[in-house]
Amino acid sequence: MAQSLIAGVGMTAFEKPETGDRPYWDMAAEAGAQALADAGISYEDVEQVPVGHCLQPSTAGQRAVYALGLTGIPVYNVNNNCATGATALMLARQLVEGGAADCVLALGFEKMRRGALGAGMDGGDFAASPVARHYGIMAAAHGFEATPPTAQIFGNAAREHMERHGTTEAQLAAVAAKNHRHSAANPRAQFREVWTVEEILAARTVHRPLTKLQCSPTSDGAAAVVVVSERFAARRGLRNRAVEIAGQAMATDTGDSFASGSCIDVVGLPMSRAAARRACDSAGLGIEDVDVVELHDCFSINELLTYEALGMCAEGASGELVESGATTYGGRWVVNPSGGLISKGHPLGATGLAQAAELVWQLRGEAGARQVAGARVGLAHNIGLGGAAVVTLLRTS
């Protein structure tokens, strides 16, 4: 099969919603223009464009790319919940590796409202929610409280992990402390304040044991990735800066997600594990080969669960892993050097592409003060409840 390469990346700063009146198409055009300039090409070279967004109108993708050019090429609007950005990247890779195009722009953006996300209910009808089954299992095990639904289902997964494995609230807070510390070196991050474990534990509780500083915020922002074929890269002299997509896989919910009645499984551990295994197999790499990881820490517990899904530690040992320093600078891996979703921000359609952009900068040695020394292999993990998990392995070519 033909190999695909990332030739260019771009990303806006991620910001609090409603901090200005900047429209989504303007943010998208900025990120797209950055990616094209980074690759040294023009929009006229692009043959197809998958565009990820969750909360904008159905053909918002066209409105966004028309600001880059009016060339008449196919534009696909992609929505896969919080895994939308990585899904757009996967479609771009498949178009290139399948021979349908030599140059594809994957673009993702979101303009959000302040406040917590709901449960995906249509007009308040819980039965119509695409994640009704997931929340139904949570309610059967834990009831349904008057707290934000997404924080509630992940918070209940944290309670289960604590009861089952002895994970502590301090270990959960250590995830957030690490990622807030990392974001201080990221000029594109929504938050750049550094918080201690004690300060994170003392913050307002959203759903016990999760405090506000352990929850990803709603955000406005955009990110873009240019994916090209080897022949395009060779023809245009792009090979020396290109980063290879070594392996990629998507998994969705299986019976294992629901059989146990556990929130740990309902929020995506089984599908993350399956996607990681398939991506590593396709790349011929293992987690031991990875240097830097951008993973979906929508809540601190999800970073711990993902350590286990990726094989970074044994089941139940993730709290000890983060507490040991193994997932920060000087440790075995550097996880979320960007600050992750918790601190960098989480504009739904852009998140997966922003993860890829961070890894490309890391693998090129262009990450500045947050550079992971000697990074050669990166892993991105992007998950959406209800459900999709995408794992992507990148390496320097």
Protein backbone atom coordinates (compact mmCIF):
# COMPACT_ATOMS: atom_id res chain seq x y z
CA MET A 1 0.00 0.00 0.00
CA ALA A 2 1.16 3.54 -0.75
CA GLN A 3 2.53 5.50 2.19
CA SER A 4 1.09 8.84 3.29
CA LEU A 5 3.07 11.74 4.72
CA ILE A 6 2.21 14.87 6.65
CA ALA A 7 3.80 17.77 4.79
CA GLY A 8 2.34 20.70 6.69
CA VAL A 9 0.41 21.59 9.83
CA GLY A 10 -1.29 24.67 11.23
CA MET A 11 -3.24 25.66 14.31
CA THR A 12 -4.82 28.77 15.78
CA ALA A 13 -4.53 29.65 19.41
CA PHE A 14 -7.30 27.94 21.37
CA GLU A 15 -9.47 30.43 23.24
CA LYS A 16 -12.38 30.63 25.63
CA PRO A 17 -15.69 30.76 23.74
CA GLU A 18 -17.20 34.18 23.16
CA THR A 19 -13.96 36.02 23.92
CA GLY A 20 -14.41 37.78 20.59
CA ASP A 21 -16.63 37.86 17.53
CA ARG A 22 -14.28 35.92 15.26
CA PRO A 23 -16.31 33.58 13.00
CA TYR A 24 -15.44 29.92 12.56
CA TRP A 25 -14.52 30.33 8.90
CA ASP A 26 -11.91 32.90 9.79
CA MET A 27 -10.27 30.57 12.34
CA ALA A 28 -10.41 27.70 9.86
CA ALA A 29 -8.85 29.80 7.11
CA GLU A 30 -6.00 30.79 9.44
CA ALA A 31 -5.19 27.19 10.35
CA GLY A 32 -5.54 26.02 6.75
CA ALA A 33 -3.32 28.80 5.41
CA GLN A 34 -0.68 27.97 8.03
CA ALA A 35 -0.67 24.30 7.02
CA LEU A 36 -0.40 25.12 3.33
CA ALA A 37 2.45 27.57 3.95
CA ASP A 38 4.18 25.04 6.19
CA ALA A 39 4.04 22.53 3.32
CA GLY A 40 5.15 25.15 0.80
CA ILE A 41 2.12 24.62 -1.44
CA SER A 42 -1.02 26.54 -2.40
CA TYR A 43 -4.68 25.68 -2.06
CA GLU A 44 -4.74 25.04 -5.81
CA ASP A 45 -2.55 21.96 -5.18
CA VAL A 46 -5.17 20.44 -2.86
CA GLU A 47 -7.44 17.83 -4.45
CA GLN A 48 -9.89 16.99 -1.64
CA VAL A 49 -10.78 18.39 1.80
CA PRO A 50 -12.37 16.49 4.72
CA VAL A 51 -13.53 19.09 7.25
CA GLY A 52 -14.35 18.22 10.85
CA HIS A 53 -16.86 20.11 13.01
CA CYS A 54 -19.59 19.11 15.46
CA LEU A 55 -21.61 22.18 16.38
CA GLN A 56 -21.69 24.26 13.19
CA PRO A 57 -24.25 24.01 10.33
CA SER A 58 -24.15 21.01 8.01
CA THR A 59 -22.07 22.54 5.20
CA ALA A 60 -19.86 24.71 7.39
CA GLY A 61 -16.88 22.96 5.82
CA GLN A 62 -17.56 24.62 2.50
CA ARG A 63 -17.95 28.03 4.13
CA ALA A 64 -14.59 27.49 5.83
CA VAL A 65 -12.56 26.35 2.81
CA TYR A 66 -14.06 28.91 0.44
CA ALA A 67 -11.96 31.43 2.32
CA LEU A 68 -8.90 29.51 1.10
CA GLY A 69 -9.98 29.18 -2.52
CA LEU A 70 -12.83 28.43 -4.91
CA THR A 71 -11.45 25.52 -6.90
CA GLY A 72 -14.51 23.28 -7.00
CA ILE A 73 -12.85 20.28 -5.32
CA PRO A 74 -14.76 17.82 -3.10
CA VAL A 75 -15.34 18.95 0.48
CA TYR A 76 -16.60 16.42 3.04
CA ASN A 77 -18.24 17.51 6.31
CA VAL A 78 -17.18 15.13 9.10
CA ASN A 79 -18.75 14.72 12.55
CA ASN A 80 -17.64 11.93 14.90
CA ASN A 81 -18.17 13.61 18.26
CA CYS A 82 -14.90 14.43 20.04
CA ALA A 83 -12.97 12.13 17.65
CA THR A 84 -13.94 14.31 14.68
CA GLY A 85 -10.49 15.81 14.04
CA ALA A 86 -8.70 12.46 13.94
CA THR A 87 -11.50 11.07 11.76
CA ALA A 88 -10.90 13.86 9.22
CA LEU A 89 -7.18 13.00 9.30
CA MET A 90 -7.98 9.31 8.79
CA LEU A 91 -10.13 10.12 5.76
CA ALA A 92 -7.31 12.23 4.32
CA ARG A 93 -4.86 9.37 4.79
CA GLN A 94 -7.24 6.87 3.18
CA LEU A 95 -7.78 9.14 0.18
CA VAL A 96 -4.02 9.38 -0.35
CA GLU A 97 -3.14 5.76 0.36
CA GLY A 98 -6.07 4.55 -1.73
CA GLY A 99 -4.84 6.52 -4.72
CA ALA A 100 -7.80 8.88 -4.95
CA ALA A 101 -5.63 11.97 -4.37
CA ASP A 102 -2.01 13.01 -3.96
CA CYS A 103 -2.64 16.07 -1.78
CA VAL A 104 -5.44 16.37 0.79
CA LEU A 105 -6.11 19.05 3.38
CA ALA A 106 -7.69 17.82 6.62
CA LEU A 107 -9.27 20.74 8.45
CA GLY A 108 -11.09 20.91 11.78
CA PHE A 109 -12.62 23.73 13.79
CA GLU A 110 -15.21 24.57 16.41
CA LYS A 111 -16.90 27.66 17.76
CA MET A 112 -18.51 26.72 21.05
CA ARG A 113 -20.68 28.14 23.80
CA ARG A 114 -19.52 28.60 27.34
CA GLY A 115 -20.54 26.01 29.87
CA ALA A 116 -20.45 22.24 30.13
CA LEU A 117 -21.45 19.99 27.24
CA GLY A 118 -24.76 18.17 27.57
CA ALA A 119 -25.49 14.51 27.02
CA GLY A 120 -26.22 14.89 23.32
CA MET A 121 -29.96 15.01 23.95
CA ASP A 122 -32.24 16.18 21.14
CA GLY A 123 -34.53 18.83 22.57
CA GLY A 124 -34.15 17.34 26.04
CA ASP A 125 -35.40 13.90 24.95
CA PHE A 126 -32.97 11.53 26.62
CA ALA A 127 -34.22 8.54 24.60
CA ALA A 128 -33.24 10.34 21.38
CA SER A 129 -29.66 10.92 22.52
CA PRO A 130 -27.05 9.00 20.50
CA VAL A 131 -25.40 8.11 23.81
CA ALA A 132 -28.58 7.09 25.63
CA ARG A 133 -27.28 3.54 26.00
CA HIS A 134 -24.05 4.78 27.57
CA TYR A 135 -25.80 7.04 30.06
CA GLY A 136 -28.38 4.35 30.77
CA ILE A 137 -25.64 2.00 31.94
CA MET A 138 -24.17 4.77 34.07
CA ALA A 139 -27.54 5.54 35.62
CA ALA A 140 -28.14 1.87 36.43
CA ALA A 141 -24.84 1.65 38.29
CA HIS A 142 -24.59 5.12 39.83
CA GLY A 143 -27.88 6.95 39.38
CA PHE A 144 -28.11 10.26 37.56
CA GLU A 145 -27.07 13.37 39.47
CA ALA A 146 -27.60 17.06 38.79
CA THR A 147 -24.08 17.57 37.45
CA PRO A 148 -22.82 18.02 33.86
CA PRO A 149 -23.45 14.69 32.08
CA THR A 150 -20.05 14.22 30.47
CA ALA A 151 -18.22 15.04 33.71
CA GLN A 152 -20.62 12.71 35.48
CA ILE A 153 -19.95 9.64 33.34
CA PHE A 154 -16.18 10.15 33.46
CA GLY A 155 -16.32 11.03 37.16
CA ASN A 156 -18.14 7.78 37.81
CA ALA A 157 -15.45 5.95 35.85
CA ALA A 158 -12.94 7.58 38.20
CA ARG A 159 -14.91 6.39 41.25
CA GLU A 160 -14.88 2.85 39.88
CA HIS A 161 -11.13 3.02 39.25
CA MET A 162 -10.54 4.25 42.78
CA GLU A 163 -12.69 1.52 44.29
CA ARG A 164 -11.23 -1.22 42.10
CA HIS A 165 -7.55 -0.29 42.08
CA GLY A 166 -6.96 2.06 44.99
CA THR A 167 -6.32 5.05 42.74
CA THR A 168 -6.24 8.24 44.78
CA GLU A 169 -7.64 11.70 44.20
CA ALA A 170 -4.08 13.03 44.35
CA GLN A 171 -3.09 10.75 41.44
CA LEU A 172 -5.99 12.06 39.38
CA ALA A 173 -4.95 15.61 40.22
CA ALA A 174 -1.35 14.77 39.25
CA VAL A 175 -2.51 14.28 35.66
CA ALA A 176 -3.98 17.78 35.57
CA ALA A 177 -0.97 19.32 37.35
CA LYS A 178 1.36 17.80 34.75
CA ASN A 179 -0.68 19.01 31.79
CA HIS A 180 -1.18 22.50 33.18
CA ARG A 181 2.58 22.65 33.79
CA HIS A 182 3.27 21.57 30.19
CA SER A 183 0.89 24.17 28.73
CA ALA A 184 2.89 27.00 30.27
CA ALA A 185 5.35 26.53 27.39
CA ASN A 186 2.65 26.47 24.70
CA PRO A 187 1.71 29.90 23.31
CA ARG A 188 -1.35 28.42 21.57
CA ALA A 189 -2.83 26.94 24.78
CA GLN A 190 -6.07 28.30 26.22
CA PHE A 191 -4.68 28.14 29.76
CA ARG A 192 -1.04 28.71 30.69
CA GLU A 193 -1.31 28.89 34.48
CA VAL A 194 0.58 26.32 36.55
CA TRP A 195 -1.37 24.63 39.35
CA THR A 196 -0.16 22.33 42.10
CA VAL A 197 -1.86 19.06 43.01
CA GLU A 198 -3.14 20.71 46.19
CA GLU A 199 -4.63 23.65 44.30
CA ILE A 200 -6.29 21.31 41.80
CA LEU A 201 -7.83 19.26 44.60
CA ALA A 202 -9.10 22.46 46.25
CA ALA A 203 -10.80 23.75 43.09
CA ARG A 204 -14.56 23.62 42.66
CA THR A 205 -15.90 20.07 42.36
CA VAL A 206 -17.71 19.39 39.08
CA HIS A 207 -18.57 15.76 39.79
CA ARG A 208 -16.71 14.01 42.56
CA PRO A 209 -13.79 13.31 42.39
CA LEU A 210 -13.23 15.60 39.40
CA THR A 211 -12.59 19.28 40.08
CA LYS A 212 -12.81 22.05 37.54
CA LEU A 213 -9.06 21.98 36.84
CA GLN A 214 -9.30 18.28 35.88
CA CYS A 215 -11.91 18.92 33.18
CA SER A 216 -11.24 20.10 29.64
CA PRO A 217 -12.88 23.45 28.83
CA THR A 218 -15.09 24.39 25.92
CA SER A 219 -12.94 26.20 23.37
CA ASP A 220 -12.86 28.02 20.06
CA GLY A 221 -10.13 27.12 17.60
CA ALA A 222 -9.02 25.39 14.42
CA ALA A 223 -6.25 23.08 13.21
CA ALA A 224 -5.20 21.68 9.83
CA VAL A 225 -2.94 19.00 8.37
CA VAL A 226 -1.73 18.54 4.78
CA VAL A 227 -1.45 14.85 3.84
CA VAL A 228 0.42 13.94 0.65
CA SER A 229 1.61 10.87 -1.23
CA GLU A 230 5.27 9.96 -1.48
CA ARG A 231 5.30 10.82 -5.17
CA PHE A 232 3.84 14.28 -4.49
CA ALA A 233 6.42 14.86 -1.76
CA ALA A 234 9.25 13.76 -4.04
CA ARG A 235 8.00 15.86 -6.93
CA ARG A 236 7.68 18.99 -4.78
CA GLY A 237 10.83 18.50 -2.69
CA LEU A 238 8.92 18.02 0.57
CA ARG A 239 10.41 14.74 1.75
CA ASN A 240 13.04 16.14 4.13
CA ARG A 241 10.47 17.84 6.42
CA ALA A 242 7.63 15.37 5.99
CA VAL A 243 6.51 13.10 8.82
CA GLU A 244 5.28 9.61 8.01
CA ILE A 245 1.89 8.30 9.08
CA ALA A 246 3.29 4.94 10.16
CA GLY A 247 0.03 3.41 11.37
CA GLN A 248 -3.53 4.39 12.13
CA ALA A 249 -6.70 2.66 13.25
CA MET A 250 -10.22 3.48 14.38
CA ALA A 251 -12.33 1.32 16.67
CA THR A 252 -15.92 1.79 17.77
CA ASP A 253 -17.90 0.27 20.60
CA THR A 254 -18.25 -3.51 20.83
CA GLY A 255 -20.13 -5.71 23.24
CA ASP A 256 -17.24 -5.30 25.68
CA SER A 257 -18.12 -1.63 26.04
CA PHE A 258 -21.46 -2.49 27.62
CA ALA A 259 -21.27 -6.04 28.97
CA SER A 260 -19.63 -5.20 32.29
CA GLY A 261 -22.00 -2.37 33.20
CA SER A 262 -18.90 -0.34 34.11
CA CYS A 263 -18.37 3.31 33.27
CA ILE A 264 -14.70 2.51 32.69
CA ASP A 265 -15.71 0.45 29.67
CA VAL A 266 -18.61 2.70 28.61
CA VAL A 267 -16.31 5.74 28.24
CA GLY A 268 -14.09 3.88 25.81
CA LEU A 269 -11.31 1.78 27.34
CA PRO A 270 -12.05 -1.31 25.17
CA MET A 271 -12.17 0.62 21.90
CA SER A 272 -9.04 2.61 22.78
CA ARG A 273 -7.22 -0.64 23.48
CA ALA A 274 -8.40 -2.16 20.18
CA ALA A 275 -7.45 0.92 18.14
CA ALA A 276 -4.00 1.05 19.75
CA ARG A 277 -3.34 -2.60 19.04
CA ARG A 278 -4.35 -2.30 15.38
CA ALA A 279 -2.40 0.92 14.82
CA CYS A 280 0.74 -0.52 16.38
CA ASP A 281 0.40 -3.73 14.36
CA SER A 282 0.02 -1.78 11.10
CA ALA A 283 3.09 0.32 11.93
CA GLY A 284 5.22 -2.54 13.19
CA LEU A 285 5.81 -0.52 16.35
CA GLY A 286 5.03 -0.93 20.02
CA ILE A 287 4.45 1.50 22.84
CA GLU A 288 8.08 0.93 23.84
CA ASP A 289 9.11 2.61 20.56
CA VAL A 290 7.09 5.77 21.26
CA ASP A 291 8.75 8.91 22.61
CA VAL A 292 5.92 11.44 22.79
CA VAL A 293 2.16 11.02 23.19
CA GLU A 294 -0.77 13.37 22.67
CA LEU A 295 -3.81 11.69 24.19
CA HIS A 296 -7.43 12.55 24.87
CA ASP A 297 -7.42 13.81 28.47
CA CYS A 298 -10.94 15.23 28.32
CA PHE A 299 -10.95 14.51 32.07
CA SER A 300 -7.98 13.46 34.19
CA ILE A 301 -9.33 9.93 34.59
CA ASN A 302 -9.31 9.41 30.84
CA GLU A 303 -5.57 9.97 30.71
CA LEU A 304 -5.11 7.25 33.32
CA LEU A 305 -7.44 4.89 31.45
CA THR A 306 -5.58 5.58 28.22
CA TYR A 307 -2.22 4.69 29.78
CA GLU A 308 -3.70 1.26 30.42
CA ALA A 309 -5.32 1.00 26.97
CA LEU A 310 -2.03 1.86 25.24
CA GLY A 311 -0.09 -0.71 27.26
CA MET A 312 2.01 1.87 29.09
CA CYS A 313 1.28 0.08 32.37
CA ALA A 314 -0.70 -2.82 33.77
CA GLU A 315 -4.42 -2.51 34.47
CA GLY A 316 -4.94 -0.42 37.58
CA ALA A 317 -1.35 0.87 37.72
CA SER A 318 -1.90 4.16 35.88
CA GLY A 319 -2.16 6.27 39.03
CA GLU A 320 1.24 5.07 40.14
CA LEU A 321 2.62 5.67 36.64
CA VAL A 322 1.73 9.36 36.55
CA GLU A 323 2.83 9.85 40.14
CA SER A 324 6.23 8.32 39.32
CA GLY A 325 7.04 11.00 36.72
CA ALA A 326 7.19 8.46 33.89
CA THR A 327 4.89 10.54 31.67
CA THR A 328 6.61 13.91 31.80
CA TYR A 329 9.99 15.35 30.87
CA GLY A 330 12.78 13.13 32.14
CA GLY A 331 10.44 10.12 32.26
CA ARG A 332 9.86 7.20 29.90
CA TRP A 333 7.38 9.15 27.75
CA VAL A 334 6.27 12.75 27.58
CA VAL A 335 2.48 12.73 27.50
CA ASN A 336 0.59 15.84 26.36
CA PRO A 337 3.52 18.24 26.04
CA SER A 338 1.01 20.66 24.49
CA GLY A 339 -0.96 20.78 27.74
CA GLY A 340 -3.54 18.31 26.46
CA LEU A 341 -7.25 18.98 26.29
CA ILE A 342 -7.34 19.96 29.96
CA SER A 343 -5.09 22.97 29.47
CA LYS A 344 -4.55 23.51 25.75
CA GLY A 345 -8.32 23.41 25.18
CA HIS A 346 -10.85 21.23 23.38
CA PRO A 347 -12.63 22.69 20.32
CA LEU A 348 -14.26 19.40 19.34
CA GLY A 349 -13.64 19.35 15.59
CA ALA A 350 -10.06 20.59 15.89
CA THR A 351 -8.70 18.48 18.74
CA GLY A 352 -7.48 15.43 16.81
CA LEU A 353 -5.76 17.56 14.19
CA ALA A 354 -4.17 19.75 16.87
CA GLN A 355 -2.72 16.57 18.41
CA ALA A 356 -1.19 15.67 15.04
CA ALA A 357 0.20 19.19 14.63
CA GLU A 358 1.89 19.02 18.04
CA LEU A 359 3.47 15.68 17.21
CA VAL A 360 4.74 16.93 13.86
CA TRP A 361 6.40 19.90 15.58
CA GLN A 362 7.91 17.54 18.15
CA LEU A 363 9.24 15.08 15.56
CA ARG A 364 10.73 17.88 13.48
CA GLY A 365 12.38 19.39 16.56
CA GLU A 366 10.32 22.58 16.19
CA ALA A 367 8.43 22.59 19.50
CA GLY A 368 10.56 25.22 21.20
CA ALA A 369 10.52 25.29 25.00
CA ARG A 370 8.33 22.18 25.17
CA GLN A 371 10.54 20.10 22.85
CA VAL A 372 10.93 16.43 23.76
CA ALA A 373 14.61 15.67 23.24
CA GLY A 374 15.33 13.16 20.48
CA ALA A 375 11.68 12.46 19.65
CA ARG A 376 11.41 10.08 16.70
CA VAL A 377 8.03 8.37 17.15
CA GLY A 378 4.78 9.99 18.29
CA LEU A 379 1.36 8.59 19.13
CA ALA A 380 -1.97 10.45 19.03
CA HIS A 381 -5.14 9.18 20.69
CA ASN A 382 -8.48 10.90 20.02
CA ILE A 383 -11.74 9.52 21.38
CA GLY A 384 -15.41 10.37 21.07
CA LEU A 385 -18.07 9.07 23.42
CA GLY A 386 -20.67 6.98 21.70
CA GLY A 387 -18.23 6.09 20.17
CA ALA A 388 -14.99 6.20 18.22
CA ALA A 389 -11.33 5.92 19.16
CA VAL A 390 -8.61 6.80 16.67
CA VAL A 391 -4.94 6.04 17.32
CA THR A 392 -2.29 7.38 14.96
CA LEU A 393 1.46 6.65 14.97
CA LEU A 394 3.79 9.18 13.37
CA ARG A 395 7.53 8.89 12.83
CA THR A 396 10.27 10.92 11.25
CA SER A 397 11.00 9.72 7.74
